Amino acid sequence: MNLTLNGEPKILDLPDPTVASLVADLGLRPEVVAVELNGDLVPRASHGTQALAEGDQLEIVTLVGGG
């Protein structure tokens, strides 16, 4: 599957092409990421059911705490 991830073209082979599987494949913790799919924010509760399609554009950012 060809996607654009954070502005970079990516080719991914995901057995279950959902936002949740992409986040897991990237090694990210789902509780600390925000995902935008084709310009729309994907609520965390929908990550497991939000399907990905050829050509989708995603922005994934991680939340970082500091002091």
Protein backbone atom coordinates (compact mmCIF):
# COMPACT_ATOMS: atom_id res chain seq x y z
CA MET A 1 0.00 0.00 0.00
CA ASN A 2 1.35 3.42 -0.96
CA LEU A 3 0.73 6.17 1.59
CA THR A 4 2.14 9.55 2.42
CA LEU A 5 3.27 9.63 6.04
CA ASN A 6 4.31 12.97 7.52
CA GLY A 7 4.98 14.28 4.02
CA GLU A 8 7.10 11.31 2.92
CA PRO A 9 5.99 8.56 0.54
CA LYS A 10 5.83 5.16 2.23
CA ILE A 11 5.14 1.67 0.97
CA LEU A 12 3.62 -0.46 3.70
CA ASP A 13 2.52 -4.08 3.86
CA LEU A 14 -0.08 -4.17 6.61
CA PRO A 15 -2.18 -7.33 6.98
CA ASP A 16 -4.92 -5.25 8.63
CA PRO A 17 -4.71 -1.77 7.06
CA THR A 18 -6.08 0.34 9.92
CA VAL A 19 -4.71 3.33 11.76
CA ALA A 20 -4.10 1.12 14.81
CA SER A 21 -2.05 -1.40 12.84
CA LEU A 22 0.01 1.40 11.27
CA VAL A 23 0.73 2.93 14.68
CA ALA A 24 1.78 -0.50 15.99
CA ASP A 25 3.90 -1.18 12.88
CA LEU A 26 5.73 2.11 13.48
CA GLY A 27 6.46 1.05 17.07
CA LEU A 28 4.51 3.94 18.56
CA ARG A 29 2.42 3.88 21.73
CA PRO A 30 -1.20 4.60 20.73
CA GLU A 31 -1.90 6.58 23.88
CA VAL A 32 0.69 9.24 22.97
CA VAL A 33 -0.04 9.82 19.27
CA ALA A 34 -2.43 12.00 17.34
CA VAL A 35 -3.34 10.91 13.82
CA GLU A 36 -4.67 13.01 10.99
CA LEU A 37 -5.98 11.14 7.94
CA ASN A 38 -6.53 13.12 4.74
CA GLY A 39 -6.87 16.32 6.76
CA ASP A 40 -9.23 14.99 9.43
CA LEU A 41 -8.29 14.08 12.99
CA VAL A 42 -8.95 10.41 13.75
CA PRO A 43 -10.26 9.98 17.31
CA ARG A 44 -8.18 7.48 19.29
CA ALA A 45 -11.29 5.35 19.87
CA SER A 46 -11.58 4.93 16.08
CA HIS A 47 -7.97 3.88 15.38
CA GLY A 48 -8.89 0.18 15.36
CA THR A 49 -11.75 0.60 12.89
CA GLN A 50 -10.46 3.42 10.67
CA ALA A 51 -9.39 1.69 7.46
CA LEU A 52 -6.52 2.95 5.34
CA ALA A 53 -6.68 3.09 1.55
CA GLU A 54 -4.18 3.40 -1.27
CA GLY A 55 -2.95 6.99 -1.56
CA ASP A 56 -4.07 8.14 1.90
CA GLN A 57 -2.15 11.01 3.47
CA LEU A 58 -1.40 10.73 7.17
CA GLU A 59 0.23 12.97 9.72
CA ILE A 60 1.22 11.28 12.97
CA VAL A 61 2.61 13.28 15.85
CA THR A 62 3.67 12.07 19.27
CA LEU A 63 2.96 13.92 22.46
CA VAL A 64 6.01 14.65 24.57
CA GLY A 65 6.13 15.87 28.13
CA GLY A 66 8.99 17.76 29.60
CA GLY A 67 9.99 20.09 32.28
